[in-house]
Amino acid sequence: MCEVYQQLAKDCLAHIDFDQTSLWISLGSIAFNPIFWNIVARKEYHSKLLTKLAFGNSRLGCYGLALTIFSLGIVRDILYEKALRDQPAWSFFTENSDIVKALAIASFSVGNVLVLSSMWALGVTGTYLGDYFGILMDDIVTGFPFNVTNNPMYYGSTLSFLGTALWFGKPAGIFVTVFVLVMYLIALRFEEPFTAEIYAKRERERAQKTK
């Protein structure tokens, strides 16, 4: 059984055209986005740069960053689809088309449910790094989808990438999906402790006031 999986993995990699420029552009866009929003958000936290550019209105500054991140996400998705169209298909996917298409729909649907429900639960400022602007939530969101995973936006987005890859039947999409997941996991290593400290600082300040 292990030999079968190993052969499938080799066949999958053999159907990825690493010479296609569009693949590397797509990977660059995927890497750029979390790097960009982490750098900009931390700059905002330390210097209030975006708030100053928004005439001192932190909420307006957060909305501006949200629009930028959302737009970059659309560009990223367009580049990803372009990269997939330039890649060879794999006969394994076409020979099992019905199963693969069903998995694609399931993966994309679950991914979008996780993303959209988390945005609904958090709101614009909660979704788009409002914490760094000083717009803190009163309580931790524990309902769906956060009772399924702590990071539904990231895992949902990864599932959407996977669903798209399966729908087009392109092994390169599987490779890109793994890269997406790795980039999100790296981003979480920076974001989670920093965000936790923001809220811990608020609690310390509240404790000082009650003394």
Protein backbone atom coordinates (compact mmCIF):
# COMPACT_ATOMS: atom_id res chain seq x y z
CA MET A 1 0.00 0.00 0.00
CA CYS A 2 2.84 2.39 0.83
CA GLU A 3 4.40 1.71 -2.55
CA VAL A 4 1.13 2.63 -4.27
CA TYR A 5 0.98 5.97 -2.41
CA GLN A 6 4.64 6.64 -3.17
CA GLN A 7 4.04 6.01 -6.86
CA LEU A 8 1.00 8.28 -6.85
CA ALA A 9 3.05 11.02 -5.19
CA LYS A 10 5.77 10.65 -7.83
CA ASP A 11 3.21 10.75 -10.64
CA CYS A 12 1.62 13.82 -9.09
CA LEU A 13 4.94 15.68 -8.92
CA ALA A 14 5.77 14.59 -12.46
CA HIS A 15 2.69 16.50 -13.65
CA ILE A 16 3.80 19.83 -12.21
CA ASP A 17 5.48 22.17 -14.69
CA PHE A 18 7.89 24.15 -12.55
CA ASP A 19 9.10 26.07 -15.61
CA GLN A 20 5.83 27.98 -15.85
CA THR A 21 6.34 31.58 -14.74
CA SER A 22 2.69 31.85 -13.73
CA LEU A 23 3.23 29.21 -11.04
CA TRP A 24 6.00 31.21 -9.39
CA ILE A 25 4.03 34.44 -9.68
CA SER A 26 1.13 32.73 -7.92
CA LEU A 27 3.40 31.45 -5.15
CA GLY A 28 4.90 34.93 -4.79
CA SER A 29 1.45 36.46 -4.39
CA ILE A 30 0.48 33.85 -1.80
CA ALA A 31 3.64 34.52 0.20
CA PHE A 32 3.36 38.30 -0.13
CA ASN A 33 -0.11 38.69 1.35
CA PRO A 34 0.43 37.44 4.94
CA ILE A 35 3.87 39.07 5.04
CA PHE A 36 2.31 42.36 3.94
CA TRP A 37 -0.55 42.41 6.43
CA ASN A 38 1.65 41.36 9.34
CA ILE A 39 4.23 44.07 8.65
CA VAL A 40 1.62 46.79 8.07
CA ALA A 41 -0.47 45.78 11.09
CA ARG A 42 2.52 45.80 13.41
CA LYS A 43 3.57 49.17 12.02
CA GLU A 44 0.09 50.42 12.83
CA TYR A 45 0.24 49.01 16.35
CA HIS A 46 3.58 50.66 17.14
CA SER A 47 3.23 53.96 15.28
CA LYS A 48 -0.49 54.35 14.40
CA LEU A 49 0.57 55.07 10.83
CA LEU A 50 -2.70 54.05 9.18
CA THR A 51 -4.75 55.82 11.84
CA LYS A 52 -2.81 59.01 11.18
CA LEU A 53 -3.36 58.61 7.43
CA ALA A 54 -7.07 58.17 8.18
CA PHE A 55 -7.18 61.56 9.94
CA GLY A 56 -6.93 60.00 13.40
CA ASN A 57 -9.86 57.63 12.85
CA SER A 58 -8.65 54.14 13.79
CA ARG A 59 -11.80 52.44 12.52
CA LEU A 60 -11.47 54.14 9.13
CA GLY A 61 -7.82 53.09 9.03
CA CYS A 62 -8.83 49.49 9.74
CA TYR A 63 -11.42 49.61 6.95
CA GLY A 64 -8.74 50.85 4.58
CA LEU A 65 -6.47 47.93 5.49
CA ALA A 66 -9.42 45.54 5.16
CA LEU A 67 -10.13 46.78 1.65
CA THR A 68 -6.47 46.42 0.73
CA ILE A 69 -6.20 42.87 2.10
CA PHE A 70 -9.46 41.87 0.42
CA SER A 71 -8.27 43.28 -2.92
CA LEU A 72 -4.92 41.52 -2.63
CA GLY A 73 -6.83 38.29 -1.96
CA ILE A 74 -8.79 38.70 -5.19
CA VAL A 75 -5.58 39.29 -7.14
CA ARG A 76 -4.02 36.23 -5.49
CA ASP A 77 -6.99 34.08 -6.50
CA ILE A 78 -6.89 35.32 -10.09
CA LEU A 79 -3.17 34.54 -10.32
CA TYR A 80 -3.78 31.09 -8.83
CA GLU A 81 -6.44 30.25 -11.40
CA LYS A 82 -4.16 31.51 -14.19
CA ALA A 83 -1.35 29.30 -12.88
CA LEU A 84 -3.61 26.25 -12.83
CA ARG A 85 -4.76 26.83 -16.40
CA ASP A 86 -1.10 26.85 -17.51
CA GLN A 87 -0.39 23.52 -15.79
CA PRO A 88 -0.79 19.98 -17.16
CA ALA A 89 -3.69 17.82 -16.00
CA TRP A 90 -3.21 14.39 -14.47
CA SER A 91 -4.88 11.31 -15.92
CA PHE A 92 -5.50 9.98 -12.39
CA PHE A 93 -7.84 12.90 -11.77
CA THR A 94 -9.61 12.62 -15.13
CA GLU A 95 -10.05 8.84 -14.80
CA ASN A 96 -11.70 9.38 -11.40
CA SER A 97 -13.48 12.54 -12.42
CA ASP A 98 -16.76 11.99 -10.56
CA ILE A 99 -15.06 11.30 -7.23
CA VAL A 100 -12.54 14.11 -7.69
CA LYS A 101 -15.25 16.63 -8.62
CA ALA A 102 -17.31 15.62 -5.58
CA LEU A 103 -14.27 16.07 -3.32
CA ALA A 104 -13.58 19.42 -4.97
CA ILE A 105 -17.11 20.68 -4.29
CA ALA A 106 -17.02 19.41 -0.71
CA SER A 107 -13.63 20.96 0.00
CA PHE A 108 -14.52 24.31 -1.57
CA SER A 109 -17.91 24.41 0.17
CA VAL A 110 -16.55 23.58 3.62
CA GLY A 111 -13.73 26.07 3.11
CA ASN A 112 -16.08 28.88 2.20
CA VAL A 113 -18.43 28.08 5.09
CA LEU A 114 -15.50 28.37 7.50
CA VAL A 115 -14.28 31.64 5.96
CA LEU A 116 -17.66 33.36 5.63
CA SER A 117 -18.99 32.24 9.03
CA SER A 118 -15.82 33.43 10.77
CA MET A 119 -16.12 36.81 9.04
CA TRP A 120 -19.74 37.02 10.17
CA ALA A 121 -18.79 36.15 13.75
CA LEU A 122 -15.87 38.59 13.92
CA GLY A 123 -17.13 41.48 11.82
CA VAL A 124 -14.89 43.62 9.63
CA THR A 125 -12.58 44.88 12.36
CA GLY A 126 -12.32 41.49 14.04
CA THR A 127 -11.46 39.83 10.75
CA TYR A 128 -9.04 42.43 9.46
CA LEU A 129 -6.68 42.99 12.39
CA GLY A 130 -8.68 45.58 14.26
CA ASP A 131 -6.82 44.52 17.42
CA TYR A 132 -3.70 46.24 16.08
CA PHE A 133 -5.71 49.45 15.75
CA GLY A 134 -6.84 49.25 19.36
CA ILE A 135 -10.31 48.02 18.35
CA LEU A 136 -10.57 45.07 20.71
CA MET A 137 -13.41 42.60 21.03
CA ASP A 138 -15.18 42.38 24.37
CA ASP A 139 -15.00 38.60 24.57
CA ILE A 140 -13.37 35.72 22.74
CA VAL A 141 -15.65 34.28 20.07
CA THR A 142 -16.28 30.65 20.95
CA GLY A 143 -19.26 29.79 18.72
CA PHE A 144 -19.17 28.31 15.23
CA PRO A 145 -16.79 28.08 13.44
CA PHE A 146 -14.35 28.76 16.29
CA ASN A 147 -15.64 25.73 18.16
CA VAL A 148 -14.37 23.66 15.20
CA THR A 149 -10.96 25.28 14.78
CA ASN A 150 -9.16 28.28 16.25
CA ASN A 151 -8.24 29.57 12.80
CA PRO A 152 -11.21 28.98 10.47
CA MET A 153 -10.17 31.74 8.07
CA TYR A 154 -6.83 30.17 7.33
CA TYR A 155 -7.94 26.55 7.22
CA GLY A 156 -11.05 27.49 5.26
CA SER A 157 -8.96 29.36 2.71
CA THR A 158 -6.62 26.36 2.41
CA LEU A 159 -9.58 24.06 1.74
CA SER A 160 -10.81 26.45 -0.95
CA PHE A 161 -7.42 26.28 -2.66
CA LEU A 162 -7.56 22.49 -2.48
CA GLY A 163 -11.08 22.39 -3.89
CA THR A 164 -10.05 24.56 -6.82
CA ALA A 165 -7.02 22.35 -7.49
CA LEU A 166 -9.18 19.21 -7.54
CA TRP A 167 -11.83 20.85 -9.72
CA PHE A 168 -9.27 21.70 -12.39
CA GLY A 169 -7.54 18.34 -11.90
CA LYS A 170 -4.13 19.94 -11.66
CA PRO A 171 -1.42 18.47 -9.39
CA ALA A 172 0.23 21.89 -9.30
CA GLY A 173 -2.78 23.06 -7.33
CA ILE A 174 -2.07 20.45 -4.66
CA PHE A 175 1.49 21.74 -4.45
CA VAL A 176 0.25 25.33 -4.16
CA THR A 177 -2.27 24.31 -1.48
CA VAL A 178 0.51 22.84 0.65
CA PHE A 179 2.45 26.09 0.20
CA VAL A 180 -0.62 28.08 1.28
CA LEU A 181 -0.95 26.02 4.43
CA VAL A 182 2.75 26.41 5.26
CA MET A 183 2.56 30.20 4.81
CA TYR A 184 -0.51 30.42 7.06
CA LEU A 185 1.12 28.28 9.75
CA ILE A 186 4.18 30.54 9.66
CA ALA A 187 1.94 33.62 9.88
CA LEU A 188 0.19 32.14 12.91
CA ARG A 189 3.53 31.75 14.69
CA PHE A 190 3.82 35.55 14.57
CA GLU A 191 0.19 36.58 14.88
CA GLU A 192 -1.14 34.44 17.72
CA PRO A 193 1.37 35.40 20.44
CA PHE A 194 1.30 39.06 19.38
CA THR A 195 -2.50 39.22 19.46
CA ALA A 196 -2.57 37.35 22.77
CA GLU A 197 -0.22 39.94 24.23
CA ILE A 198 -2.46 42.78 23.03
CA TYR A 199 -5.37 41.36 25.01
CA ALA A 200 -3.17 40.45 27.96
CA LYS A 201 -2.01 44.06 28.08
CA ARG A 202 -5.61 45.24 28.17
CA GLU A 203 -6.38 42.92 31.07
CA ARG A 204 -3.32 44.17 32.96
CA GLU A 205 -4.45 47.76 32.44
CA ARG A 206 -7.95 46.90 33.65
CA ALA A 207 -6.51 45.22 36.72
CA GLN A 208 -4.43 48.33 37.47
CA LYS A 209 -7.52 50.55 37.26
CA THR A 210 -9.46 48.43 39.72
CA LYS A 211 -6.75 48.63 42.36
